[in-house]
Amino acid sequence: MKVPCEIAVWYALPAIRSELAKELAKVMSQKEISEILGITQAAVSQYVSNKRGSKIELQDDARAAIADLADDIARVGTVDPTQRICEICRKIREDEHCEICPG
Protein backbone atom coordinates (compact mmCIF):
# COMPACT_ATOMS: atom_id res chain seq x y z
CA MET A 1 0.00 0.00 0.00
CA LYS A 2 1.28 3.44 -0.89
CA VAL A 3 0.46 6.25 1.49
CA PRO A 4 -0.52 9.66 0.05
CA CYS A 5 2.81 11.28 0.96
CA GLU A 6 4.72 8.54 -0.85
CA ILE A 7 2.64 9.13 -3.97
CA ALA A 8 3.23 12.86 -3.66
CA VAL A 9 7.00 12.52 -3.40
CA TRP A 10 7.51 9.88 -6.07
CA TYR A 11 4.86 10.79 -8.63
CA ALA A 12 2.79 13.94 -8.10
CA LEU A 13 5.51 16.44 -7.15
CA PRO A 14 7.83 15.46 -10.02
CA ALA A 15 4.90 15.67 -12.47
CA ILE A 16 3.99 19.13 -11.16
CA ARG A 17 7.58 20.35 -11.31
CA SER A 18 7.97 18.99 -14.82
CA GLU A 19 4.86 20.71 -16.13
CA LEU A 20 5.65 23.94 -14.27
CA ALA A 21 9.25 23.96 -15.54
CA LYS A 22 8.03 23.49 -19.12
CA GLU A 23 5.58 26.38 -18.77
CA LEU A 24 8.17 28.67 -17.18
CA ALA A 25 10.83 27.71 -19.75
CA LYS A 26 8.73 29.55 -22.34
CA VAL A 27 9.54 32.87 -20.65
CA MET A 28 12.64 32.44 -18.45
CA SER A 29 15.94 30.62 -18.15
CA GLN A 30 16.45 27.26 -16.49
CA LYS A 31 18.64 28.97 -13.88
CA GLU A 32 15.79 31.34 -12.96
CA ILE A 33 13.37 28.41 -12.78
CA SER A 34 15.75 26.46 -10.54
CA GLU A 35 15.96 29.39 -8.13
CA ILE A 36 12.17 29.79 -7.98
CA LEU A 37 11.53 26.06 -7.45
CA GLY A 38 14.50 25.52 -5.13
CA ILE A 39 16.01 22.78 -7.29
CA THR A 40 19.15 22.51 -9.40
CA GLN A 41 19.38 23.72 -12.98
CA ALA A 42 20.19 20.12 -13.96
CA ALA A 43 16.89 18.98 -12.42
CA VAL A 44 15.03 21.66 -14.39
CA SER A 45 16.72 20.41 -17.57
CA GLN A 46 15.58 16.86 -16.81
CA TYR A 47 12.00 17.99 -16.13
CA VAL A 48 11.85 20.01 -19.35
CA SER A 49 13.22 17.10 -21.40
CA ASN A 50 10.81 14.53 -19.84
CA LYS A 51 13.60 12.58 -18.13
CA ARG A 52 11.87 13.22 -14.80
CA GLY A 53 8.27 13.67 -13.78
CA SER A 54 6.55 11.77 -16.56
CA LYS A 55 5.28 8.71 -14.64
CA ILE A 56 1.70 9.97 -14.35
CA GLU A 57 -0.60 11.72 -16.78
CA LEU A 58 -1.96 14.97 -15.40
CA GLN A 59 -5.63 15.75 -15.93
CA ASP A 60 -6.78 19.02 -17.48
CA ASP A 61 -7.67 20.67 -14.16
CA ALA A 62 -4.17 20.06 -12.76
CA ARG A 63 -2.58 21.30 -15.99
CA ALA A 64 -4.72 24.44 -15.88
CA ALA A 65 -3.76 25.12 -12.26
CA ILE A 66 -0.08 24.69 -13.15
CA ALA A 67 -0.42 27.03 -16.13
CA ASP A 68 -2.09 29.64 -13.89
CA LEU A 69 0.72 29.33 -11.36
CA ALA A 70 3.33 29.71 -14.12
CA ASP A 71 1.56 32.82 -15.40
CA ASP A 72 1.54 34.32 -11.91
CA ILE A 73 5.23 33.55 -11.41
CA ALA A 74 6.13 35.01 -14.80
CA ARG A 75 4.02 38.12 -14.20
CA VAL A 76 4.95 38.85 -10.59
CA GLY A 77 8.31 37.14 -10.43
CA THR A 78 8.43 36.62 -6.66
CA VAL A 79 5.50 34.29 -6.08
CA ASP A 80 6.25 31.51 -3.57
CA PRO A 81 4.72 28.49 -5.31
CA THR A 82 4.68 26.20 -2.24
CA GLN A 83 1.03 26.51 -1.20
CA ARG A 84 -0.31 26.27 -4.74
CA ILE A 85 1.88 23.26 -5.52
CA CYS A 86 0.42 21.56 -2.44
CA GLU A 87 -3.12 22.30 -3.68
CA ILE A 88 -2.32 20.89 -7.11
CA CYS A 89 -0.78 17.80 -5.52
CA ARG A 90 -3.99 17.23 -3.54
CA LYS A 91 -6.00 17.46 -6.77
CA ILE A 92 -3.79 14.87 -8.39
CA ARG A 93 -3.97 12.45 -5.46
CA GLU A 94 -7.76 12.79 -5.27
CA ASP A 95 -8.25 12.30 -9.00
CA GLU A 96 -10.32 9.21 -9.72
CA HIS A 97 -8.38 8.69 -12.98
CA CYS A 98 -4.99 8.55 -11.26
CA GLU A 99 -3.75 5.01 -11.83
CA ILE A 100 -1.25 5.00 -8.94
CA CYS A 101 -3.38 6.84 -6.38
CA PRO A 102 -5.18 4.85 -3.69
CA GLY A 103 -8.89 5.05 -4.15
PDB file of N, CA and C in Angstrom:
ATOM      1  N   MET A   1       0.839  -1.178   0.000  1.00  0.00           N
ATOM      2  CA  MET A   1       0.000   0.000   0.000  1.00  0.00           C
ATOM      3  C   MET A   1       0.886   1.245   0.000  1.00  0.00           C
ATOM      4  N   LYS A   2       0.551   2.189  -0.852  1.00  0.00           N
ATOM      5  CA  LYS A   2       1.282   3.444  -0.888  1.00  0.00           C
ATOM      6  C   LYS A   2       0.472   4.507  -0.153  1.00  0.00           C
ATOM      7  N   VAL A   3       1.130   5.187   0.751  1.00  0.00           N
ATOM      8  CA  VAL A   3       0.459   6.255   1.486  1.00  0.00           C
ATOM      9  C   VAL A   3       0.489   7.524   0.640  1.00  0.00           C
ATOM     10  N   PRO A   4      -0.439   8.450   0.880  1.00  0.00           N
ATOM     11  CA  PRO A   4      -0.516   9.656   0.053  1.00  0.00           C
ATOM     12  C   PRO A   4       0.789  10.436  -0.063  1.00  0.00           C
ATOM     13  N   CYS A   5       1.548  10.529   1.019  1.00  0.00           N
ATOM     14  CA  CYS A   5       2.807  11.276   0.956  1.00  0.00           C
ATOM     15  C   CYS A   5       3.826  10.605   0.039  1.00  0.00           C
ATOM     16  N   GLU A   6       3.808   9.274   0.030  1.00  0.00           N
ATOM     17  CA  GLU A   6       4.716   8.543  -0.854  1.00  0.00           C
ATOM     18  C   GLU A   6       4.361   8.817  -2.318  1.00  0.00           C
ATOM     19  N   ILE A   7       3.092   8.817  -2.618  1.00  0.00           N
ATOM     20  CA  ILE A   7       2.638   9.132  -3.972  1.00  0.00           C
ATOM     21  C   ILE A   7       3.039  10.549  -4.349  1.00  0.00           C
ATOM     22  N   ALA A   8       2.877  11.464  -3.404  1.00  0.00           N
ATOM     23  CA  ALA A   8       3.228  12.861  -3.665  1.00  0.00           C
ATOM     24  C   ALA A   8       4.706  12.999  -4.006  1.00  0.00           C
ATOM     25  N   VAL A   9       5.557  12.380  -3.205  1.00  0.00           N
ATOM     26  CA  VAL A   9       7.001  12.522  -3.397  1.00  0.00           C
ATOM     27  C   VAL A   9       7.489  11.842  -4.667  1.00  0.00           C
ATOM     28  N   TRP A  10       6.986  10.647  -4.939  1.00  0.00           N
ATOM     29  CA  TRP A  10       7.508   9.879  -6.068  1.00  0.00           C
ATOM     30  C   TRP A  10       6.840  10.187  -7.398  1.00  0.00           C
ATOM     31  N   TYR A  11       5.597  10.625  -7.371  1.00  0.00           N
ATOM     32  CA  TYR A  11       4.864  10.791  -8.631  1.00  0.00           C
ATOM     33  C   TYR A  11       4.289  12.192  -8.834  1.00  0.00           C
ATOM     34  N   ALA A  12       3.506  12.677  -7.896  1.00  0.00           N
ATOM     35  CA  ALA A  12       2.792  13.943  -8.096  1.00  0.00           C
ATOM     36  C   ALA A  12       3.730  15.139  -8.147  1.00  0.00           C
ATOM     37  N   LEU A  13       4.609  15.283  -7.171  1.00  0.00           N
ATOM     38  CA  LEU A  13       5.505  16.435  -7.150  1.00  0.00           C
ATOM     39  C   LEU A  13       6.411  16.496  -8.380  1.00  0.00           C
ATOM     40  N   PRO A  14       7.034  15.394  -8.788  1.00  0.00           N
ATOM     41  CA  PRO A  14       7.829  15.461 -10.015  1.00  0.00           C
ATOM     42  C   PRO A  14       6.994  15.830 -11.253  1.00  0.00           C
ATOM     43  N   ALA A  15       5.763  15.330 -11.331  1.00  0.00           N
ATOM     44  CA  ALA A  15       4.903  15.672 -12.474  1.00  0.00           C
ATOM     45  C   ALA A  15       4.560  17.161 -12.457  1.00  0.00           C
ATOM     46  N   ILE A  16       4.288  17.693 -11.284  1.00  0.00           N
ATOM     47  CA  ILE A  16       3.986  19.128 -11.162  1.00  0.00           C
ATOM     48  C   ILE A  16       5.210  19.951 -11.545  1.00  0.00           C
ATOM     49  N   ARG A  17       6.360  19.601 -10.990  1.00  0.00           N
ATOM     50  CA  ARG A  17       7.582  20.348 -11.305  1.00  0.00           C
ATOM     51  C   ARG A  17       7.895  20.293 -12.797  1.00  0.00           C
ATOM     52  N   SER A  18       7.698  19.133 -13.395  1.00  0.00           N
ATOM     53  CA  SER A  18       7.968  18.992 -14.818  1.00  0.00           C
ATOM     54  C   SER A  18       7.085  19.920 -15.645  1.00  0.00           C
ATOM     55  N   GLU A  19       5.798  19.874 -15.366  1.00  0.00           N
ATOM     56  CA  GLU A  19       4.858  20.712 -16.129  1.00  0.00           C
ATOM     57  C   GLU A  19       5.110  22.194 -15.865  1.00  0.00           C
ATOM     58  N   LEU A  20       5.388  22.547 -14.622  1.00  0.00           N
ATOM     59  CA  LEU A  20       5.655  23.942 -14.268  1.00  0.00           C
ATOM     60  C   LEU A  20       6.948  24.423 -14.923  1.00  0.00           C
ATOM     61  N   ALA A  21       7.979  23.589 -14.903  1.00  0.00           N
ATOM     62  CA  ALA A  21       9.245  23.958 -15.543  1.00  0.00           C
ATOM     63  C   ALA A  21       9.065  24.180 -17.043  1.00  0.00           C
ATOM     64  N   LYS A  22       8.277  23.326 -17.680  1.00  0.00           N
ATOM     65  CA  LYS A  22       8.029  23.485 -19.119  1.00  0.00           C
ATOM     66  C   LYS A  22       7.302  24.796 -19.411  1.00  0.00           C
ATOM     67  N   GLU A  23       6.316  25.118 -18.581  1.00  0.00           N
ATOM     68  CA  GLU A  23       5.578  26.379 -18.767  1.00  0.00           C
ATOM     69  C   GLU A  23       6.498  27.582 -18.555  1.00  0.00           C
ATOM     70  N   LEU A  24       7.282  27.546 -17.486  1.00  0.00           N
ATOM     71  CA  LEU A  24       8.169  28.669 -17.180  1.00  0.00           C
ATOM     72  C   LEU A  24       9.302  28.807 -18.186  1.00  0.00           C
ATOM     73  N   ALA A  25       9.730  27.683 -18.772  1.00  0.00           N
ATOM     74  CA  ALA A  25      10.825  27.712 -19.750  1.00  0.00           C
ATOM     75  C   ALA A  25      10.455  28.508 -20.999  1.00  0.00           C
ATOM     76  N   LYS A  26       9.176  28.743 -21.197  1.00  0.00           N
ATOM     77  CA  LYS A  26       8.727  29.553 -22.340  1.00  0.00           C
ATOM     78  C   LYS A  26       9.108  31.015 -22.164  1.00  0.00           C
ATOM     79  N   VAL A  27       9.313  31.443 -20.904  1.00  0.00           N
ATOM     80  CA  VAL A  27       9.539  32.872 -20.646  1.00  0.00           C
ATOM     81  C   VAL A  27      10.761  33.184 -19.788  1.00  0.00           C
ATOM     82  N   MET A  28      11.473  32.172 -19.284  1.00  0.00           N
ATOM     83  CA  MET A  28      12.642  32.441 -18.450  1.00  0.00           C
ATOM     84  C   MET A  28      13.670  31.327 -18.581  1.00  0.00           C
ATOM     85  N   SER A  29      14.841  31.588 -18.048  1.00  0.00           N
ATOM     86  CA  SER A  29      15.940  30.615 -18.150  1.00  0.00           C
ATOM     87  C   SER A  29      15.783  29.485 -17.139  1.00  0.00           C
ATOM     88  N   GLN A  30      16.479  28.391 -17.415  1.00  0.00           N
ATOM     89  CA  GLN A  30      16.452  27.265 -16.490  1.00  0.00           C
ATOM     90  C   GLN A  30      17.059  27.644 -15.148  1.00  0.00           C
ATOM     91  N   LYS A  31      18.042  28.521 -15.140  1.00  0.00           N
ATOM     92  CA  LYS A  31      18.638  28.972 -13.882  1.00  0.00           C
ATOM     93  C   LYS A  31      17.603  29.727 -13.053  1.00  0.00           C
ATOM     94  N   GLU A  32      16.839  30.611 -13.669  1.00  0.00           N
ATOM     95  CA  GLU A  32      15.792  31.343 -12.960  1.00  0.00           C
ATOM     96  C   GLU A  32      14.739  30.379 -12.407  1.00  0.00           C
ATOM     97  N   ILE A  33      14.365  29.402 -13.212  1.00  0.00           N
ATOM     98  CA  ILE A  33      13.373  28.411 -12.782  1.00  0.00           C
ATOM     99  C   ILE A  33      13.901  27.634 -11.588  1.00  0.00           C
ATOM    100  N   SER A  34      15.165  27.236 -11.642  1.00  0.00           N
ATOM    101  CA  SER A  34      15.748  26.463 -10.538  1.00  0.00           C
ATOM    102  C   SER A  34      15.727  27.263  -9.243  1.00  0.00           C
ATOM    103  N   GLU A  35      15.974  28.546  -9.322  1.00  0.00           N
ATOM    104  CA  GLU A  35      15.955  29.394  -8.127  1.00  0.00           C
ATOM    105  C   GLU A  35      14.544  29.518  -7.563  1.00  0.00           C
ATOM    106  N   ILE A  36      13.567  29.662  -8.424  1.00  0.00           N
ATOM    107  CA  ILE A  36      12.169  29.786  -7.981  1.00  0.00           C
ATOM    108  C   ILE A  36      11.685  28.495  -7.332  1.00  0.00           C
ATOM    109  N   LEU A  37      12.009  27.353  -7.947  1.00  0.00           N
ATOM    110  CA  LEU A  37      11.529  26.059  -7.453  1.00  0.00           C
ATOM    111  C   LEU A  37      12.421  25.452  -6.371  1.00  0.00           C
ATOM    112  N   GLY A  38      13.597  26.046  -6.151  1.00  0.00           N
ATOM    113  CA  GLY A  38      14.500  25.524  -5.134  1.00  0.00           C
ATOM    114  C   GLY A  38      15.115  24.189  -5.500  1.00  0.00           C
ATOM    115  N   ILE A  39      15.388  24.010  -6.793  1.00  0.00           N
ATOM    116  CA  ILE A  39      16.010  22.784  -7.290  1.00  0.00           C
ATOM    117  C   ILE A  39      17.200  23.178  -8.171  1.00  0.00           C
ATOM    118  N   THR A  40      17.987  22.201  -8.566  1.00  0.00           N
ATOM    119  CA  THR A  40      19.151  22.511  -9.403  1.00  0.00           C
ATOM    120  C   THR A  40      18.737  22.794 -10.846  1.00  0.00           C
ATOM    121  N   GLN A  41      19.625  23.461 -11.555  1.00  0.00           N
ATOM    122  CA  GLN A  41      19.382  23.717 -12.975  1.00  0.00           C
ATOM    123  C   GLN A  41      19.364  22.398 -13.738  1.00  0.00           C
ATOM    124  N   ALA A  42      20.178  21.441 -13.313  1.00  0.00           N
ATOM    125  CA  ALA A  42      20.190  20.120 -13.960  1.00  0.00           C
ATOM    126  C   ALA A  42      18.836  19.434 -13.805  1.00  0.00           C
ATOM    127  N   ALA A  43      18.219  19.567 -12.636  1.00  0.00           N
ATOM    128  CA  ALA A  43      16.891  18.976 -12.420  1.00  0.00           C
ATOM    129  C   ALA A  43      15.868  19.641 -13.341  1.00  0.00           C
ATOM    130  N   VAL A  44      15.944  20.955 -13.480  1.00  0.00           N
ATOM    131  CA  VAL A  44      15.032  21.657 -14.392  1.00  0.00           C
ATOM    132  C   VAL A  44      15.204  21.121 -15.808  1.00  0.00           C
ATOM    133  N   SER A  45      16.445  20.946 -16.235  1.00  0.00           N
ATOM    134  CA  SER A  45      16.718  20.409 -17.567  1.00  0.00           C
ATOM    135  C   SER A  45      16.082  19.036 -17.753  1.00  0.00           C
ATOM    136  N   GLN A  46      16.172  18.189 -16.719  1.00  0.00           N
ATOM    137  CA  GLN A  46      15.576  16.858 -16.809  1.00  0.00           C
ATOM    138  C   GLN A  46      14.054  16.921 -16.838  1.00  0.00           C
ATOM    139  N   TYR A  47      13.462  17.835 -16.091  1.00  0.00           N
ATOM    140  CA  TYR A  47      12.004  17.994 -16.126  1.00  0.00           C
ATOM    141  C   TYR A  47      11.545  18.467 -17.499  1.00  0.00           C
ATOM    142  N   VAL A  48      12.241  19.441 -18.052  1.00  0.00           N
ATOM    143  CA  VAL A  48      11.851  20.009 -19.348  1.00  0.00           C
ATOM    144  C   VAL A  48      11.986  18.978 -20.467  1.00  0.00           C
ATOM    145  N   SER A  49      12.975  18.094 -20.350  1.00  0.00           N
ATOM    146  CA  SER A  49      13.216  17.099 -21.404  1.00  0.00           C
ATOM    147  C   SER A  49      12.516  15.763 -21.135  1.00  0.00           C
ATOM    148  N   ASN A  50      11.593  15.737 -20.172  1.00  0.00           N
ATOM    149  CA  ASN A  50      10.810  14.533 -19.837  1.00  0.00           C
ATOM    150  C   ASN A  50      11.636  13.367 -19.315  1.00  0.00           C
ATOM    151  N   LYS A  51      12.806  13.640 -18.753  1.00  0.00           N
ATOM    152  CA  LYS A  51      13.600  12.579 -18.128  1.00  0.00           C
ATOM    153  C   LYS A  51      13.175  12.368 -16.687  1.00  0.00           C
ATOM    154  N   ARG A  52      12.428  13.302 -16.149  1.00  0.00           N
ATOM    155  CA  ARG A  52      11.871  13.220 -14.798  1.00  0.00           C
ATOM    156  C   ARG A  52      10.426  13.694 -14.856  1.00  0.00           C
ATOM    157  N   GLY A  53       9.619  13.157 -13.965  1.00  0.00           N
ATOM    158  CA  GLY A  53       8.270  13.674 -13.782  1.00  0.00           C
ATOM    159  C   GLY A  53       7.251  13.264 -14.818  1.00  0.00           C
ATOM    160  N   SER A  54       7.494  12.170 -15.511  1.00  0.00           N
ATOM    161  CA  SER A  54       6.547  11.769 -16.559  1.00  0.00           C
ATOM    162  C   SER A  54       5.883  10.422 -16.263  1.00  0.00           C
ATOM    163  N   LYS A  55       5.848  10.025 -14.994  1.00  0.00           N
ATOM    164  CA  LYS A  55       5.281   8.715 -14.639  1.00  0.00           C
ATOM    165  C   LYS A  55       3.758   8.721 -14.538  1.00  0.00           C
ATOM    166  N   ILE A  56       3.154   9.903 -14.373  1.00  0.00           N
ATOM    167  CA  ILE A  56       1.699   9.970 -14.346  1.00  0.00           C
ATOM    168  C   ILE A  56       1.218  11.008 -15.346  1.00  0.00           C
ATOM    169  N   GLU A  57       0.025  10.792 -15.850  1.00  0.00           N
ATOM    170  CA  GLU A  57      -0.602  11.718 -16.783  1.00  0.00           C
ATOM    171  C   GLU A  57      -1.468  12.684 -15.994  1.00  0.00           C
ATOM    172  N   LEU A  58      -1.182  13.961 -16.114  1.00  0.00           N
ATOM    173  CA  LEU A  58      -1.960  14.969 -15.399  1.00  0.00           C
ATOM    174  C   LEU A  58      -3.266  15.246 -16.129  1.00  0.00           C
ATOM    175  N   GLN A  59      -4.323  15.412 -15.366  1.00  0.00           N
ATOM    176  CA  GLN A  59      -5.628  15.751 -15.929  1.00  0.00           C
ATOM    177  C   GLN A  59      -5.667  17.248 -16.248  1.00  0.00           C
ATOM    178  N   ASP A  60      -6.677  17.640 -17.014  1.00  0.00           N
ATOM    179  CA  ASP A  60      -6.784  19.021 -17.475  1.00  0.00           C
ATOM    180  C   ASP A  60      -6.856  20.033 -16.344  1.00  0.00           C
ATOM    181  N   ASP A  61      -7.554  19.701 -15.245  1.00  0.00           N
ATOM    182  CA  ASP A  61      -7.669  20.667 -14.156  1.00  0.00           C
ATOM    183  C   ASP A  61      -6.319  20.921 -13.487  1.00  0.00           C
ATOM    184  N   ALA A  62      -5.509  19.889 -13.338  1.00  0.00           N
ATOM    185  CA  ALA A  62      -4.173  20.063 -12.763  1.00  0.00           C
ATOM    186  C   ALA A  62      -3.293  20.860 -13.714  1.00  0.00           C
ATOM    187  N   ARG A  63      -3.363  20.544 -15.000  1.00  0.00           N
ATOM    188  CA  ARG A  63      -2.575  21.296 -15.989  1.00  0.00           C
ATOM    189  C   ARG A  63      -2.963  22.773 -16.007  1.00  0.00           C
ATOM    190  N   ALA A  64      -4.251  23.051 -15.896  1.00  0.00           N
ATOM    191  CA  ALA A  64      -4.715  24.441 -15.885  1.00  0.00           C
ATOM    192  C   ALA A  64      -4.218  25.172 -14.647  1.00  0.00           C
ATOM    193  N   ALA A  65      -4.250  24.501 -13.504  1.00  0.00           N
ATOM    194  CA  ALA A  65      -3.765  25.117 -12.265  1.00  0.00           C
ATOM    195  C   ALA A  65      -2.259  25.400 -12.355  1.00  0.00           C
ATOM    196  N   ILE A  66      -1.521  24.492 -12.967  1.00  0.00           N
ATOM    197  CA  ILE A  66      -0.080  24.691 -13.147  1.00  0.00           C
ATOM    198  C   ILE A  66       0.178  25.848 -14.105  1.00  0.00           C
ATOM    199  N   ALA A  67      -0.576  25.928 -15.179  1.00  0.00           N
ATOM    200  CA  ALA A  67      -0.422  27.033 -16.130  1.00  0.00           C
ATOM    201  C   ALA A  67      -0.733  28.373 -15.464  1.00  0.00           C
ATOM    202  N   ASP A  68      -1.764  28.412 -14.632  1.00  0.00           N
ATOM    203  CA  ASP A  68      -2.094  29.637 -13.888  1.00  0.00           C
ATOM    204  C   ASP A  68      -0.958  30.029 -12.951  1.00  0.00           C
ATOM    205  N   LEU A  69      -0.402  29.056 -12.259  1.00  0.00           N
ATOM    206  CA  LEU A  69       0.718  29.326 -11.365  1.00  0.00           C
ATOM    207  C   LEU A  69       1.909  29.856 -12.151  1.00  0.00           C
ATOM    208  N   ALA A  70       2.217  29.249 -13.279  1.00  0.00           N
ATOM    209  CA  ALA A  70       3.331  29.709 -14.117  1.00  0.00           C
ATOM    210  C   ALA A  70       3.103  31.140 -14.586  1.00  0.00           C
ATOM    211  N   ASP A  71       1.877  31.455 -14.981  1.00  0.00           N
ATOM    212  CA  ASP A  71       1.556  32.825 -15.400  1.00  0.00           C
ATOM    213  C   ASP A  71       1.788  33.814 -14.262  1.00  0.00           C
ATOM    214  N   ASP A  72       1.354  33.443 -13.063  1.00  0.00           N
ATOM    215  CA  ASP A  72       1.539  34.322 -11.907  1.00  0.00           C
ATOM    216  C   ASP A  72       3.022  34.517 -11.596  1.00  0.00           C
ATOM    217  N   ILE A  73       3.789  33.447 -11.660  1.00  0.00           N
ATOM    218  CA  ILE A  73       5.228  33.549 -11.409  1.00  0.00           C
ATOM    219  C   ILE A  73       5.880  34.432 -12.463  1.00  0.00           C
ATOM    220  N   ALA A  74       5.537  34.228 -13.715  1.00  0.00           N
ATOM    221  CA  ALA A  74       6.127  35.012 -14.802  1.00  0.00           C
ATOM    222  C   ALA A  74       5.743  36.489 -14.699  1.00  0.00           C
ATOM    223  N   ARG A  75       4.505  36.750 -14.297  1.00  0.00           N
ATOM    224  CA  ARG A  75       4.016  38.123 -14.201  1.00  0.00           C
ATOM    225  C   ARG A  75       4.597  38.850 -12.989  1.00  0.00           C
ATOM    226  N   VAL A  76       4.539  38.213 -11.834  1.00  0.00           N
ATOM    227  CA  VAL A  76       4.947  38.849 -10.587  1.00  0.00           C
ATOM    228  C   VAL A  76       6.431  38.630 -10.308  1.00  0.00           C
ATOM    229  N   GLY A  77       6.902  37.436 -10.591  1.00  0.00           N
ATOM    230  CA  GLY A  77       8.313  37.136 -10.430  1.00  0.00           C
ATOM    231  C   GLY A  77       8.727  36.645  -9.057  1.00  0.00           C
ATOM    232  N   THR A  78       8.010  37.000  -8.012  1.00  0.00           N
ATOM    233  CA  THR A  78       8.432  36.624  -6.664  1.00  0.00           C
ATOM    234  C   THR A  78       7.396  35.766  -5.941  1.00  0.00           C
ATOM    235  N   VAL A  79       6.532  35.132  -6.678  1.00  0.00           N
ATOM    236  CA  VAL A  79       5.498  34.289  -6.082  1.00  0.00           C
ATOM    237  C   VAL A  79       6.151  33.057  -5.462  1.00  0.00           C
ATOM    238  N   ASP A  80       5.814  32.752  -4.203  1.00  0.00           N
ATOM    239  CA  ASP A  80       6.251  31.505  -3.572  1.00  0.00           C
ATOM    240  C   ASP A  80       5.243  30.441  -3.979  1.00  0.00           C
ATOM    241  N   PRO A  81       5.668  29.459  -4.764  1.00  0.00           N
ATOM    242  CA  PRO A  81       4.722  28.489  -5.307  1.00  0.00           C
ATOM    243  C   PRO A  81       4.313  27.367  -4.347  1.00  0.00           C
ATOM    244  N   THR A  82       4.859  27.337  -3.147  1.00  0.00           N
ATOM    245  CA  THR A  82       4.678  26.205  -2.243  1.00  0.00           C
ATOM    246  C   THR A  82       3.219  25.845  -1.997  1.00  0.00           C
ATOM    247  N   GLN A  83       2.426  26.789  -1.554  1.00  0.00           N
ATOM    248  CA  GLN A  83       1.029  26.514  -1.204  1.00  0.00           C
ATOM    249  C   GLN A  83       0.241  26.020  -2.417  1.00  0.00           C
ATOM    250  N   ARG A  84       0.446  26.663  -3.542  1.00  0.00           N
ATOM    251  CA  ARG A  84      -0.306  26.266  -4.736  1.00  0.00           C
ATOM    252  C   ARG A  84       0.141  24.912  -5.270  1.00  0.00           C
ATOM    253  N   ILE A  85       1.413  24.594  -5.127  1.00  0.00           N
ATOM    254  CA  ILE A  85       1.880  23.264  -5.522  1.00  0.00           C
ATOM    255  C   ILE A  85       1.219  22.209  -4.642  1.00  0.00           C
ATOM    256  N   CYS A  86       1.096  22.496  -3.353  1.00  0.00           N
ATOM    257  CA  CYS A  86       0.418  21.555  -2.442  1.00  0.00           C
ATOM    258  C   CYS A  86      -1.045  21.347  -2.849  1.00  0.00           C
ATOM    259  N   GLU A  87      -1.721  22.416  -3.239  1.00  0.00           N
ATOM    260  CA  GLU A  87      -3.121  22.301  -3.679  1.00  0.00           C
ATOM    261  C   GLU A  87      -3.231  21.467  -4.946  1.00  0.00           C
ATOM    262  N   ILE A  88      -2.325  21.667  -5.874  1.00  0.00           N
ATOM    263  CA  ILE A  88      -2.319  20.893  -7.113  1.00  0.00           C
ATOM    264  C   ILE A  88      -2.037  19.424  -6.814  1.00  0.00           C
ATOM    265  N   CYS A  89      -1.113  19.179  -5.923  1.00  0.00           N
ATOM    266  CA  CYS A  89      -0.781  17.805  -5.525  1.00  0.00           C
ATOM    267  C   CYS A  89      -2.010  17.102  -4.945  1.00  0.00           C
ATOM    268  N   ARG A  90      -2.762  17.809  -4.112  1.00  0.00           N
ATOM    269  CA  ARG A  90      -3.988  17.232  -3.544  1.00  0.00           C
ATOM    270  C   ARG A  90      -4.966  16.863  -4.658  1.00  0.00           C
ATOM    271  N   LYS A  91      -5.113  17.744  -5.634  1.00  0.00           N
ATOM    272  CA  LYS A  91      -6.004  17.464  -6.770  1.00  0.00           C
ATOM    273  C   LYS A  91      -5.587  16.178  -7.477  1.00  0.00           C
ATOM    274  N   ILE A  92      -4.300  16.047  -7.690  1.00  0.00           N
ATOM    275  CA  ILE A  92      -3.790  14.875  -8.395  1.00  0.00           C
ATOM    276  C   ILE A  92      -4.069  13.605  -7.593  1.00  0.00           C
ATOM    277  N   ARG A  93      -3.784  13.636  -6.300  1.00  0.00           N
ATOM    278  CA  ARG A  93      -3.969  12.448  -5.462  1.00  0.00           C
ATOM    279  C   ARG A  93      -5.435  12.080  -5.302  1.00  0.00           C
ATOM    280  N   GLU A  94      -6.332  13.056  -5.407  1.00  0.00           N
ATOM    281  CA  GLU A  94      -7.763  12.791  -5.268  1.00  0.00           C
ATOM    282  C   GLU A  94      -8.433  12.430  -6.596  1.00  0.00           C
ATOM    283  N   ASP A  95      -7.698  12.549  -7.677  1.00  0.00           N
ATOM    284  CA  ASP A  95      -8.249  12.303  -9.002  1.00  0.00           C
ATOM    285  C   ASP A  95      -8.625  10.833  -9.173  1.00  0.00           C
ATOM    286  N   GLU A  96      -9.851  10.589  -9.541  1.00  0.00           N
ATOM    287  CA  GLU A  96     -10.321   9.209  -9.724  1.00  0.00           C
ATOM    288  C   GLU A  96      -9.660   8.518 -10.906  1.00  0.00           C
ATOM    289  N   HIS A  97      -9.027   9.279 -11.819  1.00  0.00           N
ATOM    290  CA  HIS A  97      -8.376   8.693 -12.985  1.00  0.00           C
ATOM    291  C   HIS A  97      -6.900   8.405 -12.751  1.00  0.00           C
ATOM    292  N   CYS A  98      -6.401   8.755 -11.579  1.00  0.00           N
ATOM    293  CA  CYS A  98      -4.993   8.548 -11.256  1.00  0.00           C
ATOM    294  C   CYS A  98      -4.741   7.062 -11.028  1.00  0.00           C
ATOM    295  N   GLU A  99      -3.948   6.453 -11.889  1.00  0.00           N
ATOM    296  CA  GLU A  99      -3.747   5.007 -11.835  1.00  0.00           C
ATOM    297  C   GLU A  99      -2.892   4.550 -10.650  1.00  0.00           C
ATOM    298  N   ILE A 100      -2.091   5.420 -10.058  1.00  0.00           N
ATOM    299  CA  ILE A 100      -1.254   5.005  -8.937  1.00  0.00           C
ATOM    300  C   ILE A 100      -1.789   5.483  -7.589  1.00  0.00           C
ATOM    301  N   CYS A 101      -2.829   6.281  -7.605  1.00  0.00           N
ATOM    302  CA  CYS A 101      -3.382   6.837  -6.377  1.00  0.00           C
ATOM    303  C   CYS A 101      -4.320   5.835  -5.699  1.00  0.00           C
ATOM    304  N   PRO A 102      -4.251   5.746  -4.360  1.00  0.00           N
ATOM    305  CA  PRO A 102      -5.185   4.854  -3.688  1.00  0.00           C
ATOM    306  C   PRO A 102      -6.605   5.387  -3.806  1.00  0.00           C
ATOM    307  N   GLY A 103      -7.543   4.524  -3.986  1.00  0.00           N
ATOM    308  CA  GLY A 103      -8.886   5.046  -4.153  1.00  0.00           C
ATOM    309  C   GLY A 103      -9.974   4.173  -3.691  1.00  0.00           C
TER     310      GLY A 103
END
